[in-house]
Amino acid sequence: QQMGGGGGGGDNSPLPASKGRAPKA
């Protein structure tokens, strides 16, 4: 593994995050 870290987010929605494509790095 060459890198580490991570992330997350949301807007306090009662529903779990939906499936979709990730934006570019």
mmCIF file of all heavy atoms, coordinates in Angstrom:
data_MODEL
# 
_entry.id   MODEL 
# 
loop_
_atom_site.group_PDB 
_atom_site.id 
_atom_site.type_symbol 
_atom_site.label_atom_id 
_atom_site.label_alt_id 
_atom_site.label_comp_id 
_atom_site.label_asym_id 
_atom_site.label_entity_id 
_atom_site.label_seq_id 
_atom_site.pdbx_PDB_ins_code 
_atom_site.Cartn_x 
_atom_site.Cartn_y 
_atom_site.Cartn_z 
_atom_site.occupancy 
_atom_site.B_iso_or_equiv 
_atom_site.pdbx_formal_charge 
_atom_site.auth_seq_id 
_atom_site.auth_comp_id 
_atom_site.auth_asym_id 
_atom_site.auth_atom_id 
_atom_site.pdbx_PDB_model_num 
ATOM 1   N N   . GLN A 1 1  ? 0.853   -1.180 0.000   1.00 0.00 ? 1  GLN A N   1 
ATOM 2   C CA  . GLN A 1 1  ? 0.000   0.000  0.000   1.00 0.00 ? 1  GLN A CA  1 
ATOM 3   C C   . GLN A 1 1  ? 0.888   1.229  0.000   1.00 0.00 ? 1  GLN A C   1 
ATOM 4   O O   . GLN A 1 1  ? 1.822   1.337  0.782   1.00 0.00 ? 1  GLN A O   1 
ATOM 5   C CB  . GLN A 1 1  ? -0.874  0.004  1.253   1.00 0.00 ? 1  GLN A CB  1 
ATOM 6   C CG  . GLN A 1 1  ? -2.035  0.966  1.196   1.00 0.00 ? 1  GLN A CG  1 
ATOM 7   C CD  . GLN A 1 1  ? -2.926  0.760  2.396   1.00 0.00 ? 1  GLN A CD  1 
ATOM 8   O OE1 . GLN A 1 1  ? -2.526  0.162  3.378   1.00 0.00 ? 1  GLN A OE1 1 
ATOM 9   N NE2 . GLN A 1 1  ? -4.127  1.242  2.325   1.00 0.00 ? 1  GLN A NE2 1 
ATOM 10  N N   . GLN A 1 2  ? 0.633   2.153  -0.897  1.00 0.00 ? 2  GLN A N   1 
ATOM 11  C CA  . GLN A 1 2  ? 1.482   3.322  -1.043  1.00 0.00 ? 2  GLN A CA  1 
ATOM 12  C C   . GLN A 1 2  ? 0.863   4.576  -0.454  1.00 0.00 ? 2  GLN A C   1 
ATOM 13  O O   . GLN A 1 2  ? 1.543   5.581  -0.348  1.00 0.00 ? 2  GLN A O   1 
ATOM 14  C CB  . GLN A 1 2  ? 1.780   3.578  -2.518  1.00 0.00 ? 2  GLN A CB  1 
ATOM 15  C CG  . GLN A 1 2  ? 2.737   2.558  -3.114  1.00 0.00 ? 2  GLN A CG  1 
ATOM 16  C CD  . GLN A 1 2  ? 3.121   2.924  -4.517  1.00 0.00 ? 2  GLN A CD  1 
ATOM 17  O OE1 . GLN A 1 2  ? 2.292   3.393  -5.281  1.00 0.00 ? 2  GLN A OE1 1 
ATOM 18  N NE2 . GLN A 1 2  ? 4.356   2.708  -4.864  1.00 0.00 ? 2  GLN A NE2 1 
ATOM 19  N N   . MET A 1 3  ? -0.380  4.553  -0.124  1.00 0.00 ? 3  MET A N   1 
ATOM 20  C CA  . MET A 1 3  ? -1.011  5.746  0.413   1.00 0.00 ? 3  MET A CA  1 
ATOM 21  C C   . MET A 1 3  ? -2.003  5.360  1.483   1.00 0.00 ? 3  MET A C   1 
ATOM 22  O O   . MET A 1 3  ? -2.331  4.193  1.638   1.00 0.00 ? 3  MET A O   1 
ATOM 23  C CB  . MET A 1 3  ? -1.683  6.570  -0.698  1.00 0.00 ? 3  MET A CB  1 
ATOM 24  C CG  . MET A 1 3  ? -2.939  5.956  -1.299  1.00 0.00 ? 3  MET A CG  1 
ATOM 25  S SD  . MET A 1 3  ? -2.666  4.465  -2.244  1.00 0.00 ? 3  MET A SD  1 
ATOM 26  C CE  . MET A 1 3  ? -1.665  5.122  -3.556  1.00 0.00 ? 3  MET A CE  1 
ATOM 27  N N   . GLY A 1 4  ? -2.455  6.293  2.241   1.00 0.00 ? 4  GLY A N   1 
ATOM 28  C CA  . GLY A 1 4  ? -3.409  6.015  3.307   1.00 0.00 ? 4  GLY A CA  1 
ATOM 29  C C   . GLY A 1 4  ? -4.320  7.193  3.513   1.00 0.00 ? 4  GLY A C   1 
ATOM 30  O O   . GLY A 1 4  ? -4.280  8.162  2.792   1.00 0.00 ? 4  GLY A O   1 
ATOM 31  N N   . GLY A 1 5  ? -5.127  7.109  4.552   1.00 0.00 ? 5  GLY A N   1 
ATOM 32  C CA  . GLY A 1 5  ? -6.061  8.204  4.816   1.00 0.00 ? 5  GLY A CA  1 
ATOM 33  C C   . GLY A 1 5  ? -7.478  7.762  4.541   1.00 0.00 ? 5  GLY A C   1 
ATOM 34  O O   . GLY A 1 5  ? -7.813  6.582  4.579   1.00 0.00 ? 5  GLY A O   1 
ATOM 35  N N   . GLY A 1 6  ? -8.328  8.694  4.249   1.00 0.00 ? 6  GLY A N   1 
ATOM 36  C CA  . GLY A 1 6  ? -9.714  8.370  3.968   1.00 0.00 ? 6  GLY A CA  1 
ATOM 37  C C   . GLY A 1 6  ? -10.583 9.591  4.089   1.00 0.00 ? 6  GLY A C   1 
ATOM 38  O O   . GLY A 1 6  ? -10.113 10.715 4.221   1.00 0.00 ? 6  GLY A O   1 
ATOM 39  N N   . GLY A 1 7  ? -11.880 9.386  4.034   1.00 0.00 ? 7  GLY A N   1 
ATOM 40  C CA  . GLY A 1 7  ? -12.815 10.503 4.117   1.00 0.00 ? 7  GLY A CA  1 
ATOM 41  C C   . GLY A 1 7  ? -14.235 10.025 4.243   1.00 0.00 ? 7  GLY A C   1 
ATOM 42  O O   . GLY A 1 7  ? -14.534 8.833  4.189   1.00 0.00 ? 7  GLY A O   1 
ATOM 43  N N   . GLY A 1 8  ? -15.117 10.953 4.417   1.00 0.00 ? 8  GLY A N   1 
ATOM 44  C CA  . GLY A 1 8  ? -16.534 10.650 4.552   1.00 0.00 ? 8  GLY A CA  1 
ATOM 45  C C   . GLY A 1 8  ? -17.321 11.940 4.555   1.00 0.00 ? 8  GLY A C   1 
ATOM 46  O O   . GLY A 1 8  ? -16.766 13.035 4.475   1.00 0.00 ? 8  GLY A O   1 
ATOM 47  N N   . GLY A 1 9  ? -18.619 11.814 4.642   1.00 0.00 ? 9  GLY A N   1 
ATOM 48  C CA  . GLY A 1 9  ? -19.458 13.014 4.628   1.00 0.00 ? 9  GLY A CA  1 
ATOM 49  C C   . GLY A 1 9  ? -20.916 12.675 4.805   1.00 0.00 ? 9  GLY A C   1 
ATOM 50  O O   . GLY A 1 9  ? -21.269 11.602 5.286   1.00 0.00 ? 9  GLY A O   1 
ATOM 51  N N   . GLY A 1 10 ? -21.756 13.597 4.392   1.00 0.00 ? 10 GLY A N   1 
ATOM 52  C CA  . GLY A 1 10 ? -23.188 13.425 4.501   1.00 0.00 ? 10 GLY A CA  1 
ATOM 53  C C   . GLY A 1 10 ? -23.862 14.714 4.922   1.00 0.00 ? 10 GLY A C   1 
ATOM 54  O O   . GLY A 1 10 ? -23.216 15.736 5.185   1.00 0.00 ? 10 GLY A O   1 
ATOM 55  N N   . ASP A 1 11 ? -25.196 14.684 4.969   1.00 0.00 ? 11 ASP A N   1 
ATOM 56  C CA  . ASP A 1 11 ? -25.970 15.858 5.381   1.00 0.00 ? 11 ASP A CA  1 
ATOM 57  C C   . ASP A 1 11 ? -27.018 15.477 6.427   1.00 0.00 ? 11 ASP A C   1 
ATOM 58  O O   . ASP A 1 11 ? -28.114 16.029 6.450   1.00 0.00 ? 11 ASP A O   1 
ATOM 59  C CB  . ASP A 1 11 ? -26.627 16.520 4.168   1.00 0.00 ? 11 ASP A CB  1 
ATOM 60  C CG  . ASP A 1 11 ? -27.541 15.565 3.404   1.00 0.00 ? 11 ASP A CG  1 
ATOM 61  O OD1 . ASP A 1 11 ? -27.675 14.385 3.824   1.00 0.00 ? 11 ASP A OD1 1 
ATOM 62  O OD2 . ASP A 1 11 ? -28.128 15.986 2.401   1.00 0.00 ? 11 ASP A OD2 1 
ATOM 63  N N   . ASN A 1 12 ? -26.666 14.508 7.288   1.00 0.00 ? 12 ASN A N   1 
ATOM 64  C CA  . ASN A 1 12 ? -27.567 14.048 8.353   1.00 0.00 ? 12 ASN A CA  1 
ATOM 65  C C   . ASN A 1 12 ? -28.876 13.479 7.810   1.00 0.00 ? 12 ASN A C   1 
ATOM 66  O O   . ASN A 1 12 ? -29.939 13.611 8.429   1.00 0.00 ? 12 ASN A O   1 
ATOM 67  C CB  . ASN A 1 12 ? -27.865 15.196 9.331   1.00 0.00 ? 12 ASN A CB  1 
ATOM 68  C CG  . ASN A 1 12 ? -26.615 15.726 9.992   1.00 0.00 ? 12 ASN A CG  1 
ATOM 69  O OD1 . ASN A 1 12 ? -25.813 14.964 10.506  1.00 0.00 ? 12 ASN A OD1 1 
ATOM 70  N ND2 . ASN A 1 12 ? -26.430 17.034 9.977   1.00 0.00 ? 12 ASN A ND2 1 
ATOM 71  N N   . SER A 1 13 ? -28.794 12.824 6.675   1.00 0.00 ? 13 SER A N   1 
ATOM 72  C CA  . SER A 1 13 ? -29.979 12.218 6.082   1.00 0.00 ? 13 SER A CA  1 
ATOM 73  C C   . SER A 1 13 ? -30.326 10.921 6.827   1.00 0.00 ? 13 SER A C   1 
ATOM 74  O O   . SER A 1 13 ? -29.426 10.188 7.243   1.00 0.00 ? 13 SER A O   1 
ATOM 75  C CB  . SER A 1 13 ? -29.741 11.935 4.601   1.00 0.00 ? 13 SER A CB  1 
ATOM 76  O OG  . SER A 1 13 ? -30.815 11.199 4.044   1.00 0.00 ? 13 SER A OG  1 
ATOM 77  N N   . PRO A 1 14 ? -31.594 10.598 6.980   1.00 0.00 ? 14 PRO A N   1 
ATOM 78  C CA  . PRO A 1 14 ? -31.948 9.329  7.637   1.00 0.00 ? 14 PRO A CA  1 
ATOM 79  C C   . PRO A 1 14 ? -31.668 8.117  6.764   1.00 0.00 ? 14 PRO A C   1 
ATOM 80  O O   . PRO A 1 14 ? -31.633 6.987  7.263   1.00 0.00 ? 14 PRO A O   1 
ATOM 81  C CB  . PRO A 1 14 ? -33.446 9.483  7.923   1.00 0.00 ? 14 PRO A CB  1 
ATOM 82  C CG  . PRO A 1 14 ? -33.923 10.464 6.898   1.00 0.00 ? 14 PRO A CG  1 
ATOM 83  C CD  . PRO A 1 14 ? -32.793 11.405 6.665   1.00 0.00 ? 14 PRO A CD  1 
ATOM 84  N N   . LEU A 1 15 ? -31.453 8.320  5.462   1.00 0.00 ? 15 LEU A N   1 
ATOM 85  C CA  . LEU A 1 15 ? -31.205 7.215  4.531   1.00 0.00 ? 15 LEU A CA  1 
ATOM 86  C C   . LEU A 1 15 ? -29.711 7.008  4.357   1.00 0.00 ? 15 LEU A C   1 
ATOM 87  O O   . LEU A 1 15 ? -28.928 7.954  4.454   1.00 0.00 ? 15 LEU A O   1 
ATOM 88  C CB  . LEU A 1 15 ? -31.831 7.510  3.174   1.00 0.00 ? 15 LEU A CB  1 
ATOM 89  C CG  . LEU A 1 15 ? -33.357 7.686  3.157   1.00 0.00 ? 15 LEU A CG  1 
ATOM 90  C CD1 . LEU A 1 15 ? -33.819 8.067  1.752   1.00 0.00 ? 15 LEU A CD1 1 
ATOM 91  C CD2 . LEU A 1 15 ? -34.049 6.406  3.622   1.00 0.00 ? 15 LEU A CD2 1 
ATOM 92  N N   . PRO A 1 16 ? -29.264 5.777  4.113   1.00 0.00 ? 16 PRO A N   1 
ATOM 93  C CA  . PRO A 1 16 ? -27.844 5.547  3.860   1.00 0.00 ? 16 PRO A CA  1 
ATOM 94  C C   . PRO A 1 16 ? -27.419 6.166  2.531   1.00 0.00 ? 16 PRO A C   1 
ATOM 95  O O   . PRO A 1 16 ? -28.251 6.496  1.677   1.00 0.00 ? 16 PRO A O   1 
ATOM 96  C CB  . PRO A 1 16 ? -27.735 4.020  3.834   1.00 0.00 ? 16 PRO A CB  1 
ATOM 97  C CG  . PRO A 1 16 ? -29.093 3.546  3.456   1.00 0.00 ? 16 PRO A CG  1 
ATOM 98  C CD  . PRO A 1 16 ? -30.052 4.532  4.076   1.00 0.00 ? 16 PRO A CD  1 
ATOM 99  N N   . ALA A 1 17 ? -26.118 6.344  2.381   1.00 0.00 ? 17 ALA A N   1 
ATOM 100 C CA  . ALA A 1 17 ? -25.594 6.934  1.150   1.00 0.00 ? 17 ALA A CA  1 
ATOM 101 C C   . ALA A 1 17 ? -25.965 6.072  -0.043  1.00 0.00 ? 17 ALA A C   1 
ATOM 102 O O   . ALA A 1 17 ? -25.926 4.839  0.013   1.00 0.00 ? 17 ALA A O   1 
ATOM 103 C CB  . ALA A 1 17 ? -24.081 7.084  1.249   1.00 0.00 ? 17 ALA A CB  1 
ATOM 104 N N   . SER A 1 18 ? -26.312 6.731  -1.140  1.00 0.00 ? 18 SER A N   1 
ATOM 105 C CA  . SER A 1 18 ? -26.746 6.005  -2.338  1.00 0.00 ? 18 SER A CA  1 
ATOM 106 C C   . SER A 1 18 ? -25.560 5.678  -3.232  1.00 0.00 ? 18 SER A C   1 
ATOM 107 O O   . SER A 1 18 ? -24.497 6.287  -3.144  1.00 0.00 ? 18 SER A O   1 
ATOM 108 C CB  . SER A 1 18 ? -27.759 6.857  -3.109  1.00 0.00 ? 18 SER A CB  1 
ATOM 109 O OG  . SER A 1 18 ? -27.216 8.117  -3.433  1.00 0.00 ? 18 SER A OG  1 
ATOM 110 N N   . LYS A 1 19 ? -25.773 4.692  -4.095  1.00 0.00 ? 19 LYS A N   1 
ATOM 111 C CA  . LYS A 1 19 ? -24.735 4.243  -5.011  1.00 0.00 ? 19 LYS A CA  1 
ATOM 112 C C   . LYS A 1 19 ? -24.587 5.238  -6.150  1.00 0.00 ? 19 LYS A C   1 
ATOM 113 O O   . LYS A 1 19 ? -25.568 5.831  -6.618  1.00 0.00 ? 19 LYS A O   1 
ATOM 114 C CB  . LYS A 1 19 ? -25.081 2.860  -5.555  1.00 0.00 ? 19 LYS A CB  1 
ATOM 115 C CG  . LYS A 1 19 ? -23.959 2.157  -6.306  1.00 0.00 ? 19 LYS A CG  1 
ATOM 116 C CD  . LYS A 1 19 ? -24.406 0.787  -6.751  1.00 0.00 ? 19 LYS A CD  1 
ATOM 117 C CE  . LYS A 1 19 ? -23.273 0.001  -7.402  1.00 0.00 ? 19 LYS A CE  1 
ATOM 118 N NZ  . LYS A 1 19 ? -22.200 -0.329 -6.454  1.00 0.00 ? 19 LYS A NZ  1 
ATOM 119 N N   . GLY A 1 20 ? -23.364 5.433  -6.614  1.00 0.00 ? 20 GLY A N   1 
ATOM 120 C CA  . GLY A 1 20 ? -23.113 6.342  -7.729  1.00 0.00 ? 20 GLY A CA  1 
ATOM 121 C C   . GLY A 1 20 ? -21.635 6.367  -8.044  1.00 0.00 ? 20 GLY A C   1 
ATOM 122 O O   . GLY A 1 20 ? -20.822 5.672  -7.436  1.00 0.00 ? 20 GLY A O   1 
ATOM 123 N N   . ARG A 1 21 ? -21.290 7.172  -9.012  1.00 0.00 ? 21 ARG A N   1 
ATOM 124 C CA  . ARG A 1 21 ? -19.881 7.260  -9.408  1.00 0.00 ? 21 ARG A CA  1 
ATOM 125 C C   . ARG A 1 21 ? -19.165 8.295  -8.548  1.00 0.00 ? 21 ARG A C   1 
ATOM 126 O O   . ARG A 1 21 ? -19.766 9.278  -8.085  1.00 0.00 ? 21 ARG A O   1 
ATOM 127 C CB  . ARG A 1 21 ? -19.760 7.608  -10.889 1.00 0.00 ? 21 ARG A CB  1 
ATOM 128 C CG  . ARG A 1 21 ? -20.321 8.968  -11.279 1.00 0.00 ? 21 ARG A CG  1 
ATOM 129 C CD  . ARG A 1 21 ? -20.284 9.133  -12.794 1.00 0.00 ? 21 ARG A CD  1 
ATOM 130 N NE  . ARG A 1 21 ? -20.857 10.410 -13.203 1.00 0.00 ? 21 ARG A NE  1 
ATOM 131 C CZ  . ARG A 1 21 ? -20.126 11.510 -13.437 1.00 0.00 ? 21 ARG A CZ  1 
ATOM 132 N NH1 . ARG A 1 21 ? -18.812 11.459 -13.283 1.00 0.00 ? 21 ARG A NH1 1 
ATOM 133 N NH2 . ARG A 1 21 ? -20.713 12.632 -13.822 1.00 0.00 ? 21 ARG A NH2 1 
ATOM 134 N N   . ALA A 1 22 ? -17.887 8.054  -8.321  1.00 0.00 ? 22 ALA A N   1 
ATOM 135 C CA  . ALA A 1 22 ? -17.066 8.962  -7.524  1.00 0.00 ? 22 ALA A CA  1 
ATOM 136 C C   . ALA A 1 22 ? -16.508 10.065 -8.410  1.00 0.00 ? 22 ALA A C   1 
ATOM 137 O O   . ALA A 1 22 ? -16.229 9.841  -9.593  1.00 0.00 ? 22 ALA A O   1 
ATOM 138 C CB  . ALA A 1 22 ? -15.932 8.199  -6.857  1.00 0.00 ? 22 ALA A CB  1 
ATOM 139 N N   . PRO A 1 23 ? -16.331 11.268 -7.874  1.00 0.00 ? 23 PRO A N   1 
ATOM 140 C CA  . PRO A 1 23 ? -15.732 12.345 -8.677  1.00 0.00 ? 23 PRO A CA  1 
ATOM 141 C C   . PRO A 1 23 ? -14.254 12.092 -8.900  1.00 0.00 ? 23 PRO A C   1 
ATOM 142 O O   . PRO A 1 23 ? -13.663 11.173 -8.331  1.00 0.00 ? 23 PRO A O   1 
ATOM 143 C CB  . PRO A 1 23 ? -15.982 13.589 -7.826  1.00 0.00 ? 23 PRO A CB  1 
ATOM 144 C CG  . PRO A 1 23 ? -16.069 13.078 -6.440  1.00 0.00 ? 23 PRO A CG  1 
ATOM 145 C CD  . PRO A 1 23 ? -16.692 11.709 -6.529  1.00 0.00 ? 23 PRO A CD  1 
ATOM 146 N N   . LYS A 1 24 ? -13.660 12.917 -9.714  1.00 0.00 ? 24 LYS A N   1 
ATOM 147 C CA  . LYS A 1 24 ? -12.242 12.714 -10.030 1.00 0.00 ? 24 LYS A CA  1 
ATOM 148 C C   . LYS A 1 24 ? -11.364 13.109 -8.845  1.00 0.00 ? 24 LYS A C   1 
ATOM 149 O O   . LYS A 1 24 ? -11.753 13.888 -7.977  1.00 0.00 ? 24 LYS A O   1 
ATOM 150 C CB  . LYS A 1 24 ? -11.857 13.527 -11.270 1.00 0.00 ? 24 LYS A CB  1 
ATOM 151 C CG  . LYS A 1 24 ? -11.868 15.027 -11.055 1.00 0.00 ? 24 LYS A CG  1 
ATOM 152 C CD  . LYS A 1 24 ? -11.379 15.748 -12.311 1.00 0.00 ? 24 LYS A CD  1 
ATOM 153 C CE  . LYS A 1 24 ? -11.288 17.262 -12.086 1.00 0.00 ? 24 LYS A CE  1 
ATOM 154 N NZ  . LYS A 1 24 ? -10.790 17.960 -13.295 1.00 0.00 ? 24 LYS A NZ  1 
ATOM 155 N N   . ALA A 1 25 ? -10.167 12.534 -8.837  1.00 0.00 ? 25 ALA A N   1 
ATOM 156 C CA  . ALA A 1 25 ? -9.206  12.825 -7.770  1.00 0.00 ? 25 ALA A CA  1 
ATOM 157 C C   . ALA A 1 25 ? -8.458  14.109 -8.072  1.00 0.00 ? 25 ALA A C   1 
ATOM 158 O O   . ALA A 1 25 ? -8.199  14.444 -9.235  1.00 0.00 ? 25 ALA A O   1 
ATOM 159 C CB  . ALA A 1 25 ? -8.223  11.669 -7.633  1.00 0.00 ? 25 ALA A CB  1 
# 
